[in-house]
Each structure stands twice: as C-alpha cells, then as structure tokens.
Protein backbone atom coordinates (compact mmCIF):
# COMPACT_ATOMS: atom_id res chain seq x y z
CA MET A 1 6.10 -25.61 -27.64
CA THR A 2 6.00 -29.03 -25.98
CA ALA A 3 5.10 -29.98 -22.44
CA THR A 4 7.96 -31.52 -20.50
CA PHE A 5 7.35 -33.49 -17.32
CA ALA A 6 9.74 -34.52 -14.60
CA ARG A 7 7.70 -37.76 -14.31
CA PRO A 8 4.55 -38.98 -16.07
CA ALA A 9 1.11 -37.77 -14.98
CA PHE A 10 -1.46 -40.34 -13.89
CA HIS A 11 -4.87 -38.69 -13.66
CA GLU A 12 -7.07 -39.95 -16.50
CA ALA A 13 -9.08 -36.70 -16.67
CA LEU A 14 -5.99 -34.93 -18.02
CA ALA A 15 -6.69 -36.71 -21.31
CA ARG A 16 -9.65 -34.33 -21.70
CA LEU A 17 -7.36 -31.34 -22.27
CA ALA A 18 -7.87 -29.98 -25.77
CA ASP A 19 -4.46 -28.28 -25.53
CA PRO A 20 -2.05 -30.56 -23.63
CA HIS A 21 0.64 -27.86 -23.81
CA LEU A 22 -1.21 -25.99 -21.07
CA LEU A 23 -0.16 -28.68 -18.61
CA ARG A 24 3.31 -27.58 -17.57
CA SER A 25 5.57 -29.07 -14.94
CA LEU A 26 8.52 -26.67 -15.13
CA ALA A 27 8.87 -23.19 -13.71
CA TYR A 28 8.81 -20.27 -16.14
CA VAL A 29 11.87 -18.02 -15.81
CA ASP A 30 13.15 -15.39 -18.23
CA GLY A 31 11.13 -16.82 -21.11
CA ARG A 32 12.34 -20.40 -20.51
CA TRP A 33 10.88 -23.49 -18.84
CA VAL A 34 13.23 -24.38 -16.00
CA ALA A 35 13.62 -27.57 -13.95
CA GLY A 36 14.56 -27.68 -10.30
CA ARG A 37 18.22 -28.18 -9.54
CA ASP A 38 19.09 -31.88 -9.77
CA GLY A 39 15.53 -32.55 -10.88
CA ALA A 40 13.96 -31.46 -7.59
CA SER A 41 10.16 -31.57 -7.82
CA PHE A 42 7.01 -31.98 -5.76
CA ALA A 43 3.76 -33.83 -6.36
CA VAL A 44 0.47 -32.12 -7.19
CA THR A 45 -2.60 -34.16 -6.33
CA ASP A 46 -6.35 -34.05 -6.87
CA PRO A 47 -7.83 -33.44 -3.39
CA GLY A 48 -11.03 -35.18 -4.43
CA SER A 49 -9.48 -38.52 -5.31
CA GLY A 50 -5.94 -38.26 -3.97
CA THR A 51 -4.65 -39.15 -7.46
CA THR A 52 -1.36 -37.65 -8.56
CA LEU A 53 -1.68 -35.11 -11.36
CA GLY A 54 2.05 -34.77 -11.90
CA TRP A 55 5.27 -33.40 -10.44
CA VAL A 56 6.25 -29.75 -10.64
CA ALA A 57 9.76 -28.28 -10.52
CA ALA A 58 10.95 -27.15 -7.09
CA LEU A 59 13.34 -24.27 -7.62
CA ASP A 60 15.88 -23.40 -4.95
CA GLY A 61 16.97 -20.07 -3.49
CA ALA A 62 19.69 -19.48 -6.07
CA GLN A 63 17.21 -20.02 -8.88
CA ALA A 64 14.82 -17.60 -7.22
CA ASP A 65 17.63 -15.04 -7.18
CA GLN A 66 18.23 -15.66 -10.88
CA THR A 67 14.54 -15.06 -11.58
CA ILE A 68 14.60 -11.74 -9.73
CA ALA A 69 17.69 -10.77 -11.72
CA ALA A 70 15.92 -11.61 -14.98
CA ALA A 71 12.88 -9.54 -14.01
CA SER A 72 15.16 -6.66 -13.04
CA ARG A 73 16.92 -6.79 -16.43
CA ALA A 74 13.60 -6.86 -18.28
CA PHE A 75 12.12 -3.96 -16.34
CA PRO A 76 13.57 -0.91 -18.18
CA ALA A 77 12.41 -2.04 -21.62
CA TRP A 78 8.94 -3.05 -20.38
CA ARG A 79 8.55 0.21 -18.42
CA ASP A 80 9.53 2.26 -21.47
CA ARG A 81 7.00 0.65 -23.80
CA LEU A 82 4.02 2.80 -24.63
CA PRO A 83 1.04 1.90 -22.44
CA GLN A 84 -0.87 1.10 -25.63
CA GLU A 85 1.74 -1.52 -26.54
CA ARG A 86 1.53 -3.15 -23.13
CA ALA A 87 -2.27 -3.06 -23.43
CA LYS A 88 -2.25 -4.98 -26.73
CA ILE A 89 -0.25 -7.80 -25.16
CA LEU A 90 -2.47 -7.92 -22.09
CA ARG A 91 -5.59 -7.93 -24.26
CA LYS A 92 -4.19 -10.87 -26.25
CA TRP A 93 -3.49 -12.69 -22.98
CA HIS A 94 -7.10 -12.11 -21.95
CA ASP A 95 -8.42 -13.43 -25.26
CA LEU A 96 -6.26 -16.55 -25.08
CA MET A 97 -7.52 -17.25 -21.58
CA LEU A 98 -11.12 -17.18 -22.73
CA GLU A 99 -10.31 -19.40 -25.72
CA ALA A 100 -8.73 -21.91 -23.30
CA ARG A 101 -11.51 -21.55 -20.71
CA GLU A 102 -12.49 -25.22 -20.60
CA ASP A 103 -8.92 -26.47 -20.28
CA LEU A 104 -8.03 -23.91 -17.62
CA ALA A 105 -11.18 -24.76 -15.65
CA LEU A 106 -10.41 -28.47 -15.86
CA LEU A 107 -6.87 -27.96 -14.53
CA MET A 108 -8.22 -25.81 -11.70
CA THR A 109 -10.85 -28.35 -10.66
CA LEU A 110 -8.31 -31.18 -10.72
CA GLU A 111 -5.73 -29.42 -8.56
CA GLN A 112 -8.03 -27.38 -6.30
CA GLY A 113 -11.19 -29.50 -6.11
CA LYS A 114 -13.83 -26.82 -6.67
CA PRO A 115 -16.81 -27.78 -8.85
CA LEU A 116 -16.20 -27.32 -12.58
CA ALA A 117 -18.92 -24.67 -12.86
CA GLU A 118 -17.13 -22.58 -10.21
CA SER A 119 -13.82 -23.07 -12.01
CA ARG A 120 -15.31 -21.79 -15.25
CA GLY A 121 -16.60 -18.77 -13.36
CA GLU A 122 -13.17 -18.13 -11.90
CA ILE A 123 -11.52 -18.21 -15.34
CA ASP A 124 -13.95 -15.55 -16.54
CA TYR A 125 -13.30 -13.56 -13.37
CA ALA A 126 -9.53 -13.93 -13.73
CA ALA A 127 -9.57 -12.85 -17.36
CA SER A 128 -11.66 -9.80 -16.50
CA PHE A 129 -8.79 -8.32 -14.47
CA ILE A 130 -6.46 -8.55 -17.46
CA GLU A 131 -9.06 -6.86 -19.65
CA TRP A 132 -9.64 -4.13 -17.06
CA TYR A 133 -5.97 -3.27 -16.63
CA ALA A 134 -5.26 -3.51 -20.35
CA GLU A 135 -7.57 -0.52 -20.66
CA ASP A 136 -6.84 1.28 -17.40
CA GLY A 137 -3.09 1.18 -17.95
CA LYS A 138 -3.55 3.71 -20.74
CA ARG A 139 -5.11 6.18 -18.32
CA LEU A 140 -2.38 6.47 -15.70
CA ASN A 141 -2.02 10.16 -16.42
CA ALA A 142 0.11 12.93 -14.97
CA GLU A 143 -1.58 15.79 -13.15
CA SER A 144 -0.74 19.46 -13.21
CA VAL A 145 -0.20 21.35 -9.95
CA THR A 146 -1.02 25.03 -9.61
CA SER A 147 2.33 26.58 -8.82
CA HIS A 148 2.90 28.35 -5.52
CA LEU A 149 6.34 29.57 -6.66
CA PRO A 150 7.06 32.30 -9.20
CA GLY A 151 8.64 31.18 -12.46
CA ALA A 152 7.91 27.51 -11.91
CA GLU A 153 5.71 24.87 -13.51
CA MET A 154 4.79 21.79 -11.51
CA MET A 155 3.65 18.32 -12.40
CA VAL A 156 3.03 15.03 -10.59
CA ARG A 157 3.20 11.73 -12.42
CA ARG A 158 3.22 8.05 -11.55
CA GLU A 159 6.11 5.79 -12.53
CA ALA A 160 6.44 2.02 -12.31
CA LEU A 161 8.12 0.79 -9.13
CA GLY A 162 10.24 -1.99 -10.66
CA VAL A 163 10.08 -5.72 -9.97
CA ALA A 164 6.86 -6.82 -8.27
CA GLY A 165 6.73 -10.05 -6.29
CA ILE A 166 3.32 -11.71 -6.06
CA VAL A 167 2.43 -14.60 -3.78
CA THR A 168 -0.90 -16.33 -4.41
CA PRO A 169 -3.07 -18.84 -2.49
CA TRP A 170 -4.60 -22.16 -3.45
CA ASN A 171 -8.30 -21.26 -3.18
CA PHE A 172 -8.35 -18.98 -6.24
CA PRO A 173 -5.31 -20.14 -8.23
CA SER A 174 -5.99 -18.13 -11.40
CA ALA A 175 -7.85 -15.03 -10.27
CA MET A 176 -5.34 -14.10 -7.58
CA VAL A 177 -2.53 -14.29 -10.14
CA THR A 178 -4.23 -12.09 -12.71
CA ARG A 179 -5.63 -9.55 -10.23
CA LYS A 180 -2.11 -8.83 -9.05
CA ALA A 181 -0.03 -9.44 -12.17
CA ALA A 182 -2.26 -7.55 -14.61
CA ALA A 183 -2.14 -4.43 -12.43
CA ALA A 184 1.63 -4.60 -12.07
CA LEU A 185 2.23 -5.31 -15.76
CA ALA A 186 -0.12 -2.54 -16.90
CA ALA A 187 1.75 -0.08 -14.64
CA GLY A 188 5.04 -1.06 -16.29
CA CYS A 189 6.42 -3.39 -13.62
CA THR A 190 7.83 -6.85 -14.22
CA VAL A 191 6.55 -9.75 -12.16
CA VAL A 192 7.95 -12.69 -10.19
CA ALA A 193 5.01 -14.88 -9.17
CA HIS A 194 5.04 -17.67 -6.62
CA PRO A 195 1.87 -19.81 -6.62
CA SER A 196 0.85 -22.12 -3.80
CA ARG A 197 2.49 -25.52 -4.13
CA GLU A 198 -0.98 -27.09 -3.82
CA THR A 199 -2.15 -25.40 -7.03
CA PRO A 200 0.74 -24.44 -9.32
CA LEU A 201 -0.71 -25.82 -12.56
CA SER A 202 -3.11 -22.91 -13.06
CA ALA A 203 -0.34 -20.32 -12.76
CA LEU A 204 1.95 -22.25 -15.11
CA ALA A 205 -0.84 -22.50 -17.69
CA LEU A 206 -1.23 -18.72 -17.45
CA ALA A 207 2.50 -18.35 -18.08
CA GLU A 208 2.18 -20.49 -21.20
CA LEU A 209 -0.62 -18.28 -22.48
CA GLY A 210 1.27 -15.12 -21.52
CA GLU A 211 4.21 -16.29 -23.60
CA ARG A 212 1.90 -16.88 -26.56
CA ALA A 213 0.40 -13.42 -26.07
CA GLY A 214 3.83 -11.83 -26.46
CA LEU A 215 4.96 -11.06 -22.92
CA PRO A 216 8.73 -10.58 -23.34
CA ALA A 217 11.24 -12.80 -21.56
CA GLY A 218 11.67 -11.83 -17.92
CA VAL A 219 8.50 -9.74 -17.76
CA PHE A 220 6.26 -12.43 -16.21
CA ASN A 221 7.93 -15.27 -14.31
CA VAL A 222 6.45 -18.15 -12.29
CA VAL A 223 8.72 -19.65 -9.63
CA THR A 224 7.46 -22.90 -8.13
CA GLY A 225 8.82 -24.62 -5.05
CA ASP A 226 9.06 -24.16 -1.31
CA ALA A 227 7.34 -20.98 -0.14
CA ALA A 228 9.69 -20.22 2.74
CA THR A 229 12.70 -20.40 0.42
CA ILE A 230 11.35 -18.54 -2.58
CA VAL A 231 9.25 -15.90 -0.83
CA GLY A 232 12.05 -15.38 1.68
CA ARG A 233 14.41 -14.50 -1.18
CA MET A 234 11.83 -12.13 -2.69
CA ASN A 235 11.28 -10.42 0.66
CA ALA A 236 14.99 -9.92 1.28
CA ASP A 237 15.94 -8.70 -2.21
CA ALA A 238 15.99 -4.91 -2.60
CA ARG A 239 15.40 -5.29 -6.35
CA VAL A 240 11.86 -6.44 -5.55
CA ARG A 241 10.21 -3.10 -4.91
CA ALA A 242 6.67 -4.31 -4.24
CA LEU A 243 5.27 -7.49 -2.69
CA SER A 244 1.62 -8.45 -3.11
CA PHE A 245 0.38 -11.35 -0.96
CA THR A 246 -2.94 -13.09 -0.44
CA GLY A 247 -3.15 -15.49 2.48
CA SER A 248 -3.51 -15.72 6.22
CA THR A 249 -2.98 -12.79 8.57
CA GLU A 250 -0.35 -14.82 10.42
CA ILE A 251 1.79 -15.31 7.29
CA GLY A 252 1.13 -11.73 6.22
CA LYS A 253 2.69 -10.45 9.43
CA LEU A 254 5.71 -12.66 8.89
CA ILE A 255 6.17 -11.39 5.33
CA ALA A 256 5.77 -7.77 6.44
CA GLY A 257 8.54 -8.24 8.98
CA GLN A 258 10.84 -9.77 6.38
CA CYS A 259 10.15 -6.93 3.94
CA ALA A 260 10.82 -4.17 6.46
CA PRO A 261 14.60 -3.94 5.90
CA THR A 262 14.07 -3.14 2.21
CA MET A 263 11.01 -0.91 2.76
CA LYS A 264 8.96 -2.62 0.07
CA ARG A 265 5.54 -1.46 -1.01
CA LEU A 266 3.16 -4.02 0.49
CA VAL A 267 -0.26 -5.02 -0.78
CA MET A 268 -1.85 -7.67 1.41
CA GLU A 269 -5.24 -9.33 1.25
CA LEU A 270 -5.30 -11.30 4.48
CA GLY A 271 -7.81 -13.19 6.59
CA GLY A 272 -11.53 -12.56 6.62
CA HIS A 273 -14.27 -13.53 9.08
CA ALA A 274 -17.34 -12.01 7.52
CA PRO A 275 -20.52 -11.38 9.47
CA LEU A 276 -23.92 -11.71 7.82
CA LEU A 277 -26.67 -9.68 9.51
CA VAL A 278 -30.26 -10.75 8.82
CA PHE A 279 -32.88 -8.30 10.11
CA ALA A 280 -36.53 -9.00 10.86
CA ASP A 281 -37.70 -6.99 7.85
CA ALA A 282 -35.70 -9.16 5.42
CA ASP A 283 -37.25 -11.34 2.75
CA ILE A 284 -36.53 -14.74 4.31
CA ASP A 285 -36.10 -16.66 1.06
CA LYS A 286 -33.75 -13.99 -0.28
CA ALA A 287 -31.82 -14.02 3.00
CA ALA A 288 -31.45 -17.81 2.92
CA ASP A 289 -30.23 -17.71 -0.69
CA ILE A 290 -27.74 -14.99 0.18
CA ALA A 291 -26.51 -17.02 3.14
CA ILE A 292 -26.02 -20.13 1.01
CA ASN A 293 -24.05 -18.27 -1.64
CA ALA A 294 -22.05 -16.20 0.84
CA LYS A 295 -21.12 -19.20 2.99
CA PHE A 296 -20.73 -22.24 0.74
CA ALA A 297 -19.02 -20.98 -2.43
CA THR A 298 -15.67 -22.73 -2.94
CA SER A 299 -16.86 -25.20 -0.28
CA GLY A 300 -16.52 -22.41 2.27
CA GLN A 301 -12.81 -21.99 1.47
CA ASP A 302 -13.07 -18.29 0.73
CA CYS A 303 -11.88 -15.23 2.64
CA LEU A 304 -15.22 -13.62 1.75
CA ALA A 305 -17.24 -16.46 3.29
CA ALA A 306 -19.98 -15.47 5.74
CA ASN A 307 -18.82 -17.29 8.84
CA ARG A 308 -20.81 -15.48 11.54
CA ILE A 309 -24.51 -15.36 10.77
CA TYR A 310 -26.52 -13.10 13.08
CA VAL A 311 -30.32 -13.32 12.83
CA GLU A 312 -32.82 -11.01 14.52
CA ARG A 313 -34.97 -12.94 17.00
CA PRO A 314 -38.44 -12.50 15.35
CA VAL A 315 -37.28 -14.31 12.17
CA LEU A 316 -34.80 -16.73 13.73
CA ALA A 317 -36.97 -19.83 13.36
CA ALA A 318 -38.11 -19.07 9.82
CA PHE A 319 -34.63 -18.21 8.57
CA THR A 320 -33.04 -21.23 10.26
CA ALA A 321 -35.57 -23.60 8.67
CA ALA A 322 -35.11 -22.10 5.19
CA PHE A 323 -31.31 -22.08 5.50
CA LYS A 324 -31.20 -25.65 6.82
CA ALA A 325 -33.32 -26.94 3.92
CA ARG A 326 -30.98 -25.32 1.40
CA ILE A 327 -27.88 -26.70 3.13
CA GLU A 328 -29.26 -30.22 3.11
CA ALA A 329 -30.01 -29.92 -0.63
CA LEU A 330 -26.36 -29.14 -1.50
CA LYS A 331 -24.75 -31.87 -3.59
CA VAL A 332 -21.35 -33.05 -2.39
CA GLY A 333 -18.86 -34.82 -4.64
CA GLY A 334 -15.88 -34.62 -6.96
CA GLY A 335 -15.58 -31.40 -8.91
CA LEU A 336 -16.08 -33.07 -12.30
CA GLU A 337 -19.41 -34.64 -11.34
CA ASP A 338 -22.52 -33.02 -12.77
CA GLY A 339 -24.40 -30.75 -10.41
CA VAL A 340 -21.85 -30.85 -7.59
CA GLU A 341 -21.86 -27.75 -5.39
CA ILE A 342 -19.52 -28.77 -2.56
CA GLY A 343 -16.14 -30.28 -3.36
CA PRO A 344 -13.31 -31.50 -1.15
CA LEU A 345 -11.34 -29.38 1.26
CA MET A 346 -7.77 -28.72 0.24
CA HIS A 347 -5.94 -30.90 2.75
CA GLU A 348 -6.29 -32.84 5.97
CA ARG A 349 -5.39 -29.79 8.09
CA ALA A 350 -8.49 -28.02 6.79
CA VAL A 351 -10.76 -30.93 7.67
CA ALA A 352 -9.23 -31.22 11.13
CA LYS A 353 -9.79 -27.50 11.76
CA VAL A 354 -13.45 -27.76 10.77
CA GLU A 355 -13.92 -30.75 13.06
CA GLU A 356 -12.31 -28.86 15.93
CA GLN A 357 -14.54 -25.82 15.43
CA VAL A 358 -17.74 -27.89 15.29
CA ALA A 359 -16.84 -29.87 18.41
CA ASP A 360 -15.93 -26.69 20.28
CA ALA A 361 -19.19 -24.94 19.34
CA VAL A 362 -21.27 -27.91 20.48
CA ALA A 363 -19.29 -28.13 23.72
CA ARG A 364 -20.13 -24.47 24.37
CA GLY A 365 -23.86 -25.03 23.94
CA ALA A 366 -24.53 -24.83 20.20
CA THR A 367 -27.03 -27.21 18.59
CA LEU A 368 -25.95 -29.26 15.58
CA LEU A 369 -28.89 -29.07 13.17
CA THR A 370 -27.42 -30.88 10.19
CA GLY A 371 -24.08 -32.30 9.04
CA GLY A 372 -21.20 -32.31 11.48
CA SER A 373 -19.16 -35.18 10.07
CA ARG A 374 -16.91 -36.21 7.23
CA HIS A 375 -18.71 -37.12 4.03
CA PRO A 376 -18.47 -40.60 2.46
CA ALA A 377 -17.31 -39.07 -0.85
CA GLY A 378 -13.71 -39.18 0.42
CA PRO A 379 -11.33 -38.34 3.26
CA LEU A 380 -11.19 -34.61 2.45
CA PHE A 381 -14.95 -34.13 2.07
CA TYR A 382 -17.01 -32.64 4.90
CA THR A 383 -20.80 -32.66 5.05
CA PRO A 384 -22.34 -29.17 4.82
CA THR A 385 -23.08 -28.25 8.42
CA LEU A 386 -25.35 -25.89 10.33
CA LEU A 387 -24.95 -24.93 13.97
CA ALA A 388 -27.55 -22.91 15.89
CA GLY A 389 -27.20 -20.99 19.13
CA VAL A 390 -23.48 -20.46 18.64
CA THR A 391 -21.95 -18.37 21.42
CA ASP A 392 -19.56 -15.50 20.79
CA ASP A 393 -16.73 -17.26 22.61
CA ALA A 394 -16.81 -20.30 20.31
CA LEU A 395 -13.79 -20.83 18.05
CA ILE A 396 -15.96 -20.63 14.96
CA MET A 397 -16.96 -17.09 15.95
CA ARG A 398 -13.38 -15.99 16.66
CA GLU A 399 -11.29 -17.76 14.00
CA GLU A 400 -11.57 -17.78 10.23
CA THR A 401 -13.42 -20.89 9.02
CA PHE A 402 -12.27 -22.42 5.75
CA GLY A 403 -14.92 -25.08 5.28
CA PRO A 404 -18.63 -25.79 4.70
CA VAL A 405 -19.81 -24.98 8.23
CA ALA A 406 -22.25 -22.19 9.12
CA GLY A 407 -23.02 -20.93 12.60
CA ILE A 408 -26.14 -18.95 13.55
CA SER A 409 -26.45 -16.60 16.53
CA VAL A 410 -29.48 -14.53 17.54
CA PHE A 411 -29.56 -10.77 18.20
CA ASP A 412 -32.14 -8.33 19.53
CA SER A 413 -31.08 -4.85 18.44
CA GLU A 414 -29.15 -3.06 15.70
CA ALA A 415 -26.65 -1.54 18.12
CA GLU A 416 -25.98 -4.94 19.69
CA VAL A 417 -25.31 -6.74 16.41
CA VAL A 418 -23.11 -3.97 15.02
CA ALA A 419 -20.94 -4.15 18.14
CA ARG A 420 -20.69 -7.93 17.89
CA ALA A 421 -19.96 -7.86 14.16
CA ASN A 422 -17.16 -5.32 14.69
CA ASP A 423 -15.65 -7.21 17.64
CA THR A 424 -12.94 -8.93 15.60
CA GLU A 425 -9.44 -8.33 14.32
CA TYR A 426 -10.74 -8.86 10.79
CA GLY A 427 -12.41 -6.31 8.55
CA LEU A 428 -12.62 -7.60 4.98
CA VAL A 429 -16.32 -7.84 4.08
CA ALA A 430 -19.68 -7.74 5.83
CA TYR A 431 -23.10 -8.75 4.52
CA VAL A 432 -26.39 -7.13 5.48
CA VAL A 433 -29.91 -8.26 4.59
CA THR A 434 -32.59 -5.65 5.30
CA GLU A 435 -35.30 -3.88 3.34
CA ASN A 436 -35.02 -0.75 5.51
CA GLY A 437 -33.23 1.91 3.44
CA ALA A 438 -32.26 4.07 6.40
CA ARG A 439 -30.77 1.05 8.17
CA GLN A 440 -28.83 0.16 5.02
CA MET A 441 -27.13 3.54 5.11
CA ARG A 442 -26.50 3.42 8.87
CA LEU A 443 -24.86 0.00 8.68
CA ALA A 444 -22.81 0.93 5.63
CA ARG A 445 -21.12 3.49 7.87
CA ALA A 446 -21.15 1.62 11.18
CA LEU A 447 -19.58 -1.67 10.04
CA GLU A 448 -15.78 -1.59 10.22
CA TYR A 449 -15.08 -3.40 6.98
CA GLY A 450 -13.42 -2.51 3.71
CA MET A 451 -16.41 -3.80 1.77
CA VAL A 452 -20.09 -4.01 2.69
CA ALA A 453 -22.60 -6.00 0.63
CA ILE A 454 -26.26 -5.12 1.14
CA ASN A 455 -28.92 -7.57 -0.06
CA ARG A 456 -26.47 -9.32 -2.39
CA VAL A 457 -23.37 -11.52 -2.43
CA LYS A 458 -21.40 -10.85 -5.61
CA ILE A 459 -19.62 -7.52 -5.28
CA THR A 460 -16.07 -7.99 -6.62
CA GLY A 461 -14.57 -7.33 -10.05
CA GLY A 462 -12.03 -5.27 -11.95
CA PRO A 463 -13.53 -1.82 -11.29
CA ILE A 464 -13.75 -2.07 -7.49
CA PRO A 465 -11.03 -1.65 -4.80
CA PHE A 466 -10.86 -5.03 -3.07
CA GLY A 467 -9.38 -5.04 0.40
CA GLY A 468 -9.98 -4.87 4.11
CA TRP A 469 -9.54 -2.90 7.30
CA LYS A 470 -7.66 -3.79 10.47
CA GLN A 471 -5.76 -7.09 10.21
CA SER A 472 -7.48 -8.09 6.97
CA GLY A 473 -4.87 -6.37 4.88
CA LEU A 474 -3.00 -3.41 3.45
CA GLY A 475 -3.81 -1.56 0.25
CA ARG A 476 -6.33 -2.49 -2.42
CA GLU A 477 -6.52 -4.72 -5.49
CA GLY A 478 -8.65 -4.00 -8.52
CA SER A 479 -9.73 -0.54 -9.72
CA ARG A 480 -7.25 2.27 -10.38
CA HIS A 481 -6.08 1.93 -6.78
CA GLY A 482 -4.82 -1.57 -7.53
CA MET A 483 -2.52 -0.29 -10.26
CA GLU A 484 -1.38 2.72 -8.25
CA ALA A 485 0.01 0.29 -5.68
CA PHE A 486 2.69 -0.66 -8.24
CA THR A 487 3.68 2.93 -8.97
CA GLU A 488 5.55 5.71 -7.20
CA LEU A 489 4.70 9.41 -7.32
CA LYS A 490 7.26 11.70 -8.88
CA TYR A 491 6.97 15.48 -8.52
CA LEU A 492 8.54 17.66 -11.18
CA CYS A 493 9.32 21.35 -10.60
CA ILE A 494 10.57 23.11 -13.73
CA ASP A 495 12.08 26.57 -13.70
CA THR A 496 10.44 28.73 -16.39
CA ALA A 497 11.91 32.10 -15.45
CA ALA A 498 13.26 34.09 -18.39
C-alpha cells in the first residue's frame, strides 16, 4: 500500500512518521482510495503554524451516493458474519491503533493543534471503544418472553439496522470516529463516515488501519469533502438507516429535519455548557485542580468543558486565587513543544467568538483577572483567561464557549445554584465539588444533565452511556446502549400447537 497525494505535503514534522502510509489524502470507498472528481481537493493546515499539511480529496454528491451504495451492498454479508468473527477484526483494528499510537498522535496534533500528550491520550481513548465493542458485540443476545397466548413461544432479538452514517467533529478526530463506528460495526451495520474537513487525516489513517485489520470492502468508508453536500446526501438516502452526529445543537437540528422524511434512527451528541459547582466544604486545592482539568483540556474546545463556574461565597476568594495561579502557570504553544498544555484554537471564528464573549462579560460588570487577549505564539492562540463576577446574562453564561476562558460567579445557597445551573437549553454534563455526602446525592438527582461528575473530571469511556438531556442530544454512545442504537427490535411469535 502506498500513499498517494493530490499535491505534495509541506510540513516538516510529517517526516517524523514511522509509517508514512498512514498519511492518506484520498477518500476510502468500497475498499479503494478514491480521488475527488477532476482532482477536487481541499487544504488541511496546522492551526498552530498555518503550514499546509497536504490536500485531501473532495468527493461530490454522486460519489457520496456511490459510497452509500457500496455500504448497502456490503451490509448483508457483514451482518451475517458470526459476532465472534466481527470481534476478531475489531480487536485487530484496536491492536494496530495502539501499535501506531505515536504516528496517529502526531497526525492529530498537526491537524487539530492539541498538545501531543493529549493526542496520545485520545488515541488510547479511541482504541478503547473498539476493544469494548469487540467484546460487547458477542453479547447482543435474544431474550425470551413469557407467552400470554396458548400454544405460542415468544422471543425478542436485536438485528442490525443497515447502513449507518456517522458525522464527526474536529475537536476529537479519532475518538468520535471509533465511538460511533465500533458500535455500529459490532452490531453488524456497515458505516459511511464523514470527518470534519479541518481534521480528516485522523479518520483516513483509521481507515488504513481498518483495511489492514481485515474490514471487508464497503464495510467502513470515509468520505471527505464538503459537509453540506455529503451529509445532505446521507440524510436524504433511505438506505442510510441510522445517522450519528457530534457537533453543535444548531447543526443537529438541521440534520434532524433533513432526516425526518426517511425516519432515520438518530444519535446526536450536541452542544454542552457545563456548570461546575464548588461548595464551601470543598477542598480548595482539589476544586482548583478539577476546575483546571474540566475547563482547559483541549484548550477549552470540548463539549464537556466547565464553562460556568459557580463558587459558594465563603470560599470565593480562596478558590479564585488558587484557580488564577493555576491558569497563569499553563504553558501555551505549539502542540509538539515539550510541556505545552494550551494549543491553538481551530480557526479564526473560534478566536473571534472568545474575544466577543470576554468583551461582553466585562461590559456587563465582570472583572478580568488574567489573560483576555491573543497570545504571541500565533494568530490562533488565546491567552488562558479568568473572569470574576460574571453575571448570568453575559454571553459566556448563555452560549457554549469553545476556548480557554473561564468565568466565575458567586452563589449563596444550594437551591439557588441548582436553579441557575439548570437554567439552560443544554444538559450534557455537570460537575460538583463537595465533601458532603448527602448533598452529593441530592445534586445527582436535582441537576438536569445526562452525566454528573462529583469530585472528579474524567468520567467517560467504553462502559458508560455518554449523552445529554434537553438540547444536548438524542440517544447515547458507549456502553451497551450505544450499540443498541444501531439495532432494531424484532419480536418473534411461533405457533407450537400440536
């Protein structure tokens, strides 16, 4: 297998790849590497330096249709394989990912900008979903139903839906592919994946490894190009029976509307605007560490980021001082630099949004304690920022923030802060820091979120159902529920009368 490029790549760090074949520029369709019609392609750049990494094939609508047709043709044979056979292929895919960990992390850092240590962590995280579903796919068992009719035996089983479309974002370019695709593949579905055009290289590298692992032609496809064109075709095509999307609530609503005529199964992980509640009984150092990790991972470009930080009045000063000191110690720079914790934002729109939110908060009475400006590392870098006294009507408290900016607001009672935390259209995750066990249980029930983290940040992984309430999404990813989303129930009633 040789890498073929529409045009040469320029970034010198690409020379560090131990396996250059993982750098692909063509889409992967029906077991073949496919160029855009008439050589159509788009540039992929390093957001840290602005340097071009290469050009990736831009497929058109007709080629998207051909990909769906290929996945549809491949579906019956893949569905009919024993789950153990599918599991062996998935397990090999997982093992190849871990063997290529350094190369995959390098590609991710170059196209997404996150620090290399975070990219390595994401590769491990991404591979874990393949491992989980390789095992769980063997346990998608039928269930017996106690008959209510004479002379009848009853059974309920789950069967694969068919072709699954998956649409993934740029902030987690490997993990969002595997979390969706591994579940669908383990259930017996075939997959048409469309990665963000900002970060297609990670998905294409996964396709290369999937091919090596033995995924048959047409079972896992990666279609690169314009989202409106490709996703529009997936949404409109009745052969695509499920559509899994991670992205903004606004785009999620648009996709849901386009999928309505074909009544697709929808799985959507949409916007998040997580509150972090710090109570007076909290360990202040622990609370500050939790706030740093919950807010500034992936440079704040994370749907799980703690954007609204509520602190009980008696510990406001102590927490603010501890949090501010940790923010000012964060190292900003290119993702390949040693010790870097904050990389670039993805594009100019993201920087402009952060600037708008900071200016708005200050105009409404907030105090800028540190940061608040672009960083000299480059045009897409923003200095880690802390705002205090942020009012509930500020943009940063109402809109999702995708950047390294934290806002603190004070509260005086548990009932007050719960009401304020729940006063949002979002409901993905909430964080609570308190040593009071009874309060932990009360808040676990009172907070209107799909996930609640108490005294910790890391909560996700293969075994848990990831997803949100309200306008933060539909369905769940991960756990057995994530695979069930790609199946349909079938009830069997068998006459046994003599």
